[in-house]
Amino acid sequence: MTSIHGHDVLNMMLESGEQYTEKSLIQAIDLRFGNNARFHTCSAENMSAGELVTFLAARGKFIPVEEGFSTHESKICRH
């Protein structure tokens, strides 16, 4: 099974221009990448969509907004 980098999820968020809650982001990830997709980052691997969202939140990749959170290009590492 192919693993999808967390950067792809952050880029998806940027492209959509939407605000998310944890639940709505997981739903959007499932729609875009599939319910059984696995994810990795520069420092973690084999995560579900829910685990990835928790991981990204813990690392400050989301920006709080009125009704949830969004992200910004500056939150995506470029290495």
PDB file of N, CA and C in Angstrom:
ATOM      1  N   MET A   1       0.845  -1.180   0.000  1.00  0.00           N
ATOM      2  CA  MET A   1       0.000   0.000   0.000  1.00  0.00           C
ATOM      3  C   MET A   1       0.893   1.248   0.000  1.00  0.00           C
ATOM      4  N   THR A   2       0.553   2.199  -0.804  1.00  0.00           N
ATOM      5  CA  THR A   2       1.300   3.447  -0.894  1.00  0.00           C
ATOM      6  C   THR A   2       0.952   4.337   0.288  1.00  0.00           C
ATOM      7  N   SER A   3       1.974   4.990   0.828  1.00  0.00           N
ATOM      8  CA  SER A   3       1.781   5.920   1.922  1.00  0.00           C
ATOM      9  C   SER A   3       1.801   7.348   1.373  1.00  0.00           C
ATOM     10  N   ILE A   4       0.931   8.183   1.881  1.00  0.00           N
ATOM     11  CA  ILE A   4       0.782   9.563   1.420  1.00  0.00           C
ATOM     12  C   ILE A   4       1.436  10.488   2.443  1.00  0.00           C
ATOM     13  N   HIS A   5       2.217  11.444   1.965  1.00  0.00           N
ATOM     14  CA  HIS A   5       2.909  12.348   2.871  1.00  0.00           C
ATOM     15  C   HIS A   5       1.918  13.358   3.450  1.00  0.00           C
ATOM     16  N   GLY A   6       2.112  13.702   4.703  1.00  0.00           N
ATOM     17  CA  GLY A   6       1.275  14.695   5.372  1.00  0.00           C
ATOM     18  C   GLY A   6       1.249  16.033   4.646  1.00  0.00           C
ATOM     19  N   HIS A   7       2.335  16.349   3.918  1.00  0.00           N
ATOM     20  CA  HIS A   7       2.364  17.593   3.128  1.00  0.00           C
ATOM     21  C   HIS A   7       1.232  17.614   2.112  1.00  0.00           C
ATOM     22  N   ASP A   8       0.883  16.447   1.579  1.00  0.00           N
ATOM     23  CA  ASP A   8      -0.203  16.375   0.603  1.00  0.00           C
ATOM     24  C   ASP A   8      -1.537  16.773   1.233  1.00  0.00           C
ATOM     25  N   VAL A   9      -1.725  16.424   2.490  1.00  0.00           N
ATOM     26  CA  VAL A   9      -2.946  16.810   3.197  1.00  0.00           C
ATOM     27  C   VAL A   9      -2.945  18.315   3.455  1.00  0.00           C
ATOM     28  N   LEU A  10      -1.816  18.863   3.901  1.00  0.00           N
ATOM     29  CA  LEU A  10      -1.733  20.305   4.131  1.00  0.00           C
ATOM     30  C   LEU A  10      -1.948  21.067   2.826  1.00  0.00           C
ATOM     31  N   ASN A  11      -1.382  20.578   1.741  1.00  0.00           N
ATOM     32  CA  ASN A  11      -1.596  21.216   0.440  1.00  0.00           C
ATOM     33  C   ASN A  11      -3.058  21.126   0.014  1.00  0.00           C
ATOM     34  N   MET A  12      -3.711  20.011   0.291  1.00  0.00           N
ATOM     35  CA  MET A  12      -5.139  19.864   0.006  1.00  0.00           C
ATOM     36  C   MET A  12      -5.927  20.932   0.759  1.00  0.00           C
ATOM     37  N   MET A  13      -5.573  21.154   2.011  1.00  0.00           N
ATOM     38  CA  MET A  13      -6.244  22.164   2.816  1.00  0.00           C
ATOM     39  C   MET A  13      -6.045  23.551   2.204  1.00  0.00           C
ATOM     40  N   LEU A  14      -4.826  23.857   1.804  1.00  0.00           N
ATOM     41  CA  LEU A  14      -4.542  25.160   1.194  1.00  0.00           C
ATOM     42  C   LEU A  14      -5.346  25.354  -0.083  1.00  0.00           C
ATOM     43  N   GLU A  15      -5.358  24.343  -0.935  1.00  0.00           N
ATOM     44  CA  GLU A  15      -6.060  24.419  -2.218  1.00  0.00           C
ATOM     45  C   GLU A  15      -7.561  24.628  -2.035  1.00  0.00           C
ATOM     46  N   SER A  16      -8.112  24.036  -0.990  1.00  0.00           N
ATOM     47  CA  SER A  16      -9.560  24.140  -0.780  1.00  0.00           C
ATOM     48  C   SER A  16      -9.955  25.518  -0.254  1.00  0.00           C
ATOM     49  N   GLY A  17      -9.067  26.147   0.504  1.00  0.00           N
ATOM     50  CA  GLY A  17      -9.397  27.433   1.109  1.00  0.00           C
ATOM     51  C   GLY A  17     -10.453  27.334   2.204  1.00  0.00           C
ATOM     52  N   GLU A  18     -10.751  26.122   2.627  1.00  0.00           N
ATOM     53  CA  GLU A  18     -11.805  25.897   3.623  1.00  0.00           C
ATOM     54  C   GLU A  18     -11.260  25.910   5.042  1.00  0.00           C
ATOM     55  N   GLN A  19     -12.188  26.050   5.986  1.00  0.00           N
ATOM     56  CA  GLN A  19     -11.886  25.865   7.395  1.00  0.00           C
ATOM     57  C   GLN A  19     -12.369  24.473   7.761  1.00  0.00           C
ATOM     58  N   TYR A  20     -11.678  23.844   8.694  1.00  0.00           N
ATOM     59  CA  TYR A  20     -12.006  22.476   9.061  1.00  0.00           C
ATOM     60  C   TYR A  20     -12.152  22.328  10.565  1.00  0.00           C
ATOM     61  N   THR A  21     -12.905  21.329  10.942  1.00  0.00           N
ATOM     62  CA  THR A  21     -12.860  20.787  12.289  1.00  0.00           C
ATOM     63  C   THR A  21     -12.088  19.482  12.157  1.00  0.00           C
ATOM     64  N   GLU A  22     -11.745  18.868  13.250  1.00  0.00           N
ATOM     65  CA  GLU A  22     -11.044  17.586  13.158  1.00  0.00           C
ATOM     66  C   GLU A  22     -11.877  16.580  12.359  1.00  0.00           C
ATOM     67  N   LYS A  23     -13.165  16.532  12.649  1.00  0.00           N
ATOM     68  CA  LYS A  23     -14.051  15.586  11.967  1.00  0.00           C
ATOM     69  C   LYS A  23     -14.158  15.891  10.477  1.00  0.00           C
ATOM     70  N   SER A  24     -14.349  17.169  10.118  1.00  0.00           N
ATOM     71  CA  SER A  24     -14.515  17.494   8.701  1.00  0.00           C
ATOM     72  C   SER A  24     -13.218  17.302   7.923  1.00  0.00           C
ATOM     73  N   LEU A  25     -12.076  17.502   8.575  1.00  0.00           N
ATOM     74  CA  LEU A  25     -10.811  17.265   7.889  1.00  0.00           C
ATOM     75  C   LEU A  25     -10.611  15.778   7.626  1.00  0.00           C
ATOM     76  N   ILE A  26     -10.911  14.961   8.593  1.00  0.00           N
ATOM     77  CA  ILE A  26     -10.788  13.504   8.396  1.00  0.00           C
ATOM     78  C   ILE A  26     -11.708  13.057   7.257  1.00  0.00           C
ATOM     79  N   GLN A  27     -12.927  13.599   7.204  1.00  0.00           N
ATOM     80  CA  GLN A  27     -13.850  13.260   6.116  1.00  0.00           C
ATOM     81  C   GLN A  27     -13.286  13.701   4.769  1.00  0.00           C
ATOM     82  N   ALA A  28     -12.713  14.904   4.711  1.00  0.00           N
ATOM     83  CA  ALA A  28     -12.131  15.400   3.462  1.00  0.00           C
ATOM     84  C   ALA A  28     -10.943  14.544   3.033  1.00  0.00           C
ATOM     85  N   ILE A  29     -10.129  14.128   3.989  1.00  0.00           N
ATOM     86  CA  ILE A  29      -8.980  13.259   3.692  1.00  0.00           C
ATOM     87  C   ILE A  29      -9.477  11.931   3.137  1.00  0.00           C
ATOM     88  N   ASP A  30     -10.485  11.357   3.785  1.00  0.00           N
ATOM     89  CA  ASP A  30     -11.035  10.077   3.317  1.00  0.00           C
ATOM     90  C   ASP A  30     -11.593  10.199   1.900  1.00  0.00           C
ATOM     91  N   LEU A  31     -12.283  11.302   1.616  1.00  0.00           N
ATOM     92  CA  LEU A  31     -12.828  11.498   0.270  1.00  0.00           C
ATOM     93  C   LEU A  31     -11.723  11.632  -0.769  1.00  0.00           C
ATOM     94  N   ARG A  32     -10.681  12.353  -0.442  1.00  0.00           N
ATOM     95  CA  ARG A  32      -9.601  12.613  -1.403  1.00  0.00           C
ATOM     96  C   ARG A  32      -8.673  11.419  -1.591  1.00  0.00           C
ATOM     97  N   PHE A  33      -8.315  10.759  -0.474  1.00  0.00           N
ATOM     98  CA  PHE A  33      -7.281   9.729  -0.530  1.00  0.00           C
ATOM     99  C   PHE A  33      -7.799   8.311  -0.280  1.00  0.00           C
ATOM    100  N   GLY A  34      -9.034   8.184   0.150  1.00  0.00           N
ATOM    101  CA  GLY A  34      -9.615   6.863   0.411  1.00  0.00           C
ATOM    102  C   GLY A  34      -9.623   6.535   1.896  1.00  0.00           C
ATOM    103  N   ASN A  35     -10.624   5.761   2.293  1.00  0.00           N
ATOM    104  CA  ASN A  35     -10.804   5.416   3.710  1.00  0.00           C
ATOM    105  C   ASN A  35      -9.668   4.593   4.294  1.00  0.00           C
ATOM    106  N   ASN A  36      -8.981   3.851   3.471  1.00  0.00           N
ATOM    107  CA  ASN A  36      -7.922   2.973   3.977  1.00  0.00           C
ATOM    108  C   ASN A  36      -6.522   3.520   3.737  1.00  0.00           C
ATOM    109  N   ALA A  37      -6.420   4.762   3.328  1.00  0.00           N
ATOM    110  CA  ALA A  37      -5.106   5.354   3.044  1.00  0.00           C
ATOM    111  C   ALA A  37      -4.275   5.405   4.320  1.00  0.00           C
ATOM    112  N   ARG A  38      -2.973   5.292   4.140  1.00  0.00           N
ATOM    113  CA  ARG A  38      -2.016   5.419   5.246  1.00  0.00           C
ATOM    114  C   ARG A  38      -1.146   6.631   4.939  1.00  0.00           C
ATOM    115  N   PHE A  39      -0.652   7.252   6.005  1.00  0.00           N
ATOM    116  CA  PHE A  39       0.068   8.505   5.871  1.00  0.00           C
ATOM    117  C   PHE A  39       1.392   8.462   6.610  1.00  0.00           C
ATOM    118  N   HIS A  40       2.319   9.287   6.131  1.00  0.00           N
ATOM    119  CA  HIS A  40       3.607   9.442   6.806  1.00  0.00           C
ATOM    120  C   HIS A  40       4.009  10.910   6.782  1.00  0.00           C
ATOM    121  N   THR A  41       4.971  11.242   7.620  1.00  0.00           N
ATOM    122  CA  THR A  41       5.556  12.580   7.642  1.00  0.00           C
ATOM    123  C   THR A  41       7.068  12.389   7.674  1.00  0.00           C
ATOM    124  N   CYS A  42       7.766  13.454   7.883  1.00  0.00           N
ATOM    125  CA  CYS A  42       9.228  13.370   7.951  1.00  0.00           C
ATOM    126  C   CYS A  42       9.682  12.572   9.175  1.00  0.00           C
ATOM    127  N   SER A  43       8.803  12.443  10.184  1.00  0.00           N
ATOM    128  CA  SER A  43       9.233  11.779  11.419  1.00  0.00           C
ATOM    129  C   SER A  43       8.290  10.687  11.922  1.00  0.00           C
ATOM    130  N   ALA A  44       7.255  10.354  11.166  1.00  0.00           N
ATOM    131  CA  ALA A  44       6.323   9.305  11.590  1.00  0.00           C
ATOM    132  C   ALA A  44       5.777   8.599  10.351  1.00  0.00           C
ATOM    133  N   GLU A  45       5.288   7.383  10.556  1.00  0.00           N
ATOM    134  CA  GLU A  45       4.754   6.631   9.415  1.00  0.00           C
ATOM    135  C   GLU A  45       3.610   5.731   9.831  1.00  0.00           C
ATOM    136  N   ASN A  46       2.932   5.189   8.824  1.00  0.00           N
ATOM    137  CA  ASN A  46       1.837   4.234   8.992  1.00  0.00           C
ATOM    138  C   ASN A  46       0.700   4.780   9.865  1.00  0.00           C
ATOM    139  N   MET A  47       0.282   6.014   9.592  1.00  0.00           N
ATOM    140  CA  MET A  47      -0.801   6.641  10.354  1.00  0.00           C
ATOM    141  C   MET A  47      -2.104   6.605   9.562  1.00  0.00           C
ATOM    142  N   SER A  48      -3.201   6.497  10.292  1.00  0.00           N
ATOM    143  CA  SER A  48      -4.529   6.659   9.691  1.00  0.00           C
ATOM    144  C   SER A  48      -4.772   8.157   9.527  1.00  0.00           C
ATOM    145  N   ALA A  49      -5.865   8.512   8.882  1.00  0.00           N
ATOM    146  CA  ALA A  49      -6.213   9.923   8.718  1.00  0.00           C
ATOM    147  C   ALA A  49      -6.376  10.598  10.082  1.00  0.00           C
ATOM    148  N   GLY A  50      -7.064   9.936  10.999  1.00  0.00           N
ATOM    149  CA  GLY A  50      -7.259  10.495  12.341  1.00  0.00           C
ATOM    150  C   GLY A  50      -5.950  10.682  13.085  1.00  0.00           C
ATOM    151  N   GLU A  51      -5.072   9.698  12.977  1.00  0.00           N
ATOM    152  CA  GLU A  51      -3.764   9.801  13.627  1.00  0.00           C
ATOM    153  C   GLU A  51      -2.941  10.927  13.012  1.00  0.00           C
ATOM    154  N   LEU A  52      -3.034  11.093  11.699  1.00  0.00           N
ATOM    155  CA  LEU A  52      -2.308  12.175  11.037  1.00  0.00           C
ATOM    156  C   LEU A  52      -2.817  13.534  11.502  1.00  0.00           C
ATOM    157  N   VAL A  53      -4.121  13.708  11.585  1.00  0.00           N
ATOM    158  CA  VAL A  53      -4.691  14.981  12.025  1.00  0.00           C
ATOM    159  C   VAL A  53      -4.215  15.296  13.445  1.00  0.00           C
ATOM    160  N   THR A  54      -4.232  14.323  14.320  1.00  0.00           N
ATOM    161  CA  THR A  54      -3.746  14.515  15.695  1.00  0.00           C
ATOM    162  C   THR A  54      -2.267  14.887  15.685  1.00  0.00           C
ATOM    163  N   PHE A  55      -1.479  14.197  14.870  1.00  0.00           N
ATOM    164  CA  PHE A  55      -0.047  14.457  14.753  1.00  0.00           C
ATOM    165  C   PHE A  55       0.212  15.880  14.267  1.00  0.00           C
ATOM    166  N   LEU A  56      -0.476  16.287  13.204  1.00  0.00           N
ATOM    167  CA  LEU A  56      -0.274  17.631  12.650  1.00  0.00           C
ATOM    168  C   LEU A  56      -0.700  18.713  13.636  1.00  0.00           C
ATOM    169  N   ALA A  57      -1.789  18.488  14.335  1.00  0.00           N
ATOM    170  CA  ALA A  57      -2.259  19.462  15.330  1.00  0.00           C
ATOM    171  C   ALA A  57      -1.229  19.620  16.450  1.00  0.00           C
ATOM    172  N   ALA A  58      -0.678  18.506  16.908  1.00  0.00           N
ATOM    173  CA  ALA A  58       0.310  18.549  17.992  1.00  0.00           C
ATOM    174  C   ALA A  58       1.578  19.283  17.581  1.00  0.00           C
ATOM    175  N   ARG A  59       1.847  19.340  16.293  1.00  0.00           N
ATOM    176  CA  ARG A  59       3.044  20.013  15.799  1.00  0.00           C
ATOM    177  C   ARG A  59       2.777  21.429  15.312  1.00  0.00           C
ATOM    178  N   GLY A  60       1.601  21.940  15.630  1.00  0.00           N
ATOM    179  CA  GLY A  60       1.288  23.330  15.326  1.00  0.00           C
ATOM    180  C   GLY A  60       1.094  23.636  13.854  1.00  0.00           C
ATOM    181  N   LYS A  61       0.652  22.657  13.082  1.00  0.00           N
ATOM    182  CA  LYS A  61       0.470  22.852  11.642  1.00  0.00           C
ATOM    183  C   LYS A  61      -0.868  23.506  11.287  1.00  0.00           C
ATOM    184  N   PHE A  62      -1.735  23.666  12.270  1.00  0.00           N
ATOM    185  CA  PHE A  62      -3.044  24.262  12.027  1.00  0.00           C
ATOM    186  C   PHE A  62      -3.123  25.634  12.671  1.00  0.00           C
ATOM    187  N   ILE A  63      -3.908  26.505  12.060  1.00  0.00           N
ATOM    188  CA  ILE A  63      -4.116  27.861  12.552  1.00  0.00           C
ATOM    189  C   ILE A  63      -5.573  27.975  12.983  1.00  0.00           C
ATOM    190  N   PRO A  64      -5.821  28.275  14.266  1.00  0.00           N
ATOM    191  CA  PRO A  64      -7.210  28.416  14.724  1.00  0.00           C
ATOM    192  C   PRO A  64      -7.917  29.550  13.984  1.00  0.00           C
ATOM    193  N   VAL A  65      -9.141  29.294  13.581  1.00  0.00           N
ATOM    194  CA  VAL A  65      -9.993  30.307  12.960  1.00  0.00           C
ATOM    195  C   VAL A  65     -11.363  30.227  13.624  1.00  0.00           C
ATOM    196  N   GLU A  66     -12.261  31.084  13.213  1.00  0.00           N
ATOM    197  CA  GLU A  66     -13.556  31.216  13.871  1.00  0.00           C
ATOM    198  C   GLU A  66     -14.275  29.889  14.109  1.00  0.00           C
ATOM    199  N   GLU A  67     -14.337  29.063  13.099  1.00  0.00           N
ATOM    200  CA  GLU A  67     -15.105  27.819  13.227  1.00  0.00           C
ATOM    201  C   GLU A  67     -14.250  26.580  13.016  1.00  0.00           C
ATOM    202  N   GLY A  68     -13.076  26.534  13.610  1.00  0.00           N
ATOM    203  CA  GLY A  68     -12.217  25.366  13.481  1.00  0.00           C
ATOM    204  C   GLY A  68     -10.773  25.775  13.287  1.00  0.00           C
ATOM    205  N   PHE A  69     -10.200  25.335  12.165  1.00  0.00           N
ATOM    206  CA  PHE A  69      -8.814  25.661  11.882  1.00  0.00           C
ATOM    207  C   PHE A  69      -8.551  25.600  10.392  1.00  0.00           C
ATOM    208  N   SER A  70      -7.446  26.174   9.992  1.00  0.00           N
ATOM    209  CA  SER A  70      -6.967  26.104   8.616  1.00  0.00           C
ATOM    210  C   SER A  70      -5.453  25.896   8.711  1.00  0.00           C
ATOM    211  N   THR A  71      -4.761  26.116   7.628  1.00  0.00           N
ATOM    212  CA  THR A  71      -3.305  26.048   7.654  1.00  0.00           C
ATOM    213  C   THR A  71      -2.777  27.151   6.747  1.00  0.00           C
ATOM    214  N   HIS A  72      -1.479  27.265   6.697  1.00  0.00           N
ATOM    215  CA  HIS A  72      -0.828  28.287   5.874  1.00  0.00           C
ATOM    216  C   HIS A  72       0.409  27.654   5.249  1.00  0.00           C
ATOM    217  N   GLU A  73       0.795  28.162   4.099  1.00  0.00           N
ATOM    218  CA  GLU A  73       1.962  27.636   3.398  1.00  0.00           C
ATOM    219  C   GLU A  73       3.200  27.590   4.297  1.00  0.00           C
ATOM    220  N   SER A  74       3.328  28.528   5.208  1.00  0.00           N
ATOM    221  CA  SER A  74       4.491  28.575   6.097  1.00  0.00           C
ATOM    222  C   SER A  74       4.521  27.407   7.071  1.00  0.00           C
ATOM    223  N   LYS A  75       3.438  26.695   7.210  1.00  0.00           N
ATOM    224  CA  LYS A  75       3.361  25.534   8.124  1.00  0.00           C
ATOM    225  C   LYS A  75       3.865  24.248   7.483  1.00  0.00           C
ATOM    226  N   ILE A  76       4.193  24.310   6.197  1.00  0.00           N
ATOM    227  CA  ILE A  76       4.639  23.119   5.478  1.00  0.00           C
ATOM    228  C   ILE A  76       6.148  23.189   5.323  1.00  0.00           C
ATOM    229  N   CYS A  77       6.852  22.231   5.905  1.00  0.00           N
ATOM    230  CA  CYS A  77       8.314  22.226   5.761  1.00  0.00           C
ATOM    231  C   CYS A  77       8.651  21.851   4.317  1.00  0.00           C
ATOM    232  N   ARG A  78       9.763  22.350   3.843  1.00  0.00           N
ATOM    233  CA  ARG A  78      10.147  22.160   2.439  1.00  0.00           C
ATOM    234  C   ARG A  78      11.471  21.416   2.324  1.00  0.00           C
ATOM    235  N   HIS A  79      11.484  20.192   2.791  1.00  0.00           N
ATOM    236  CA  HIS A  79      12.716  19.403   2.662  1.00  0.00           C
ATOM    237  C   HIS A  79      12.438  18.043   2.103  1.00  0.00           C
TER     238      HIS A  79
END
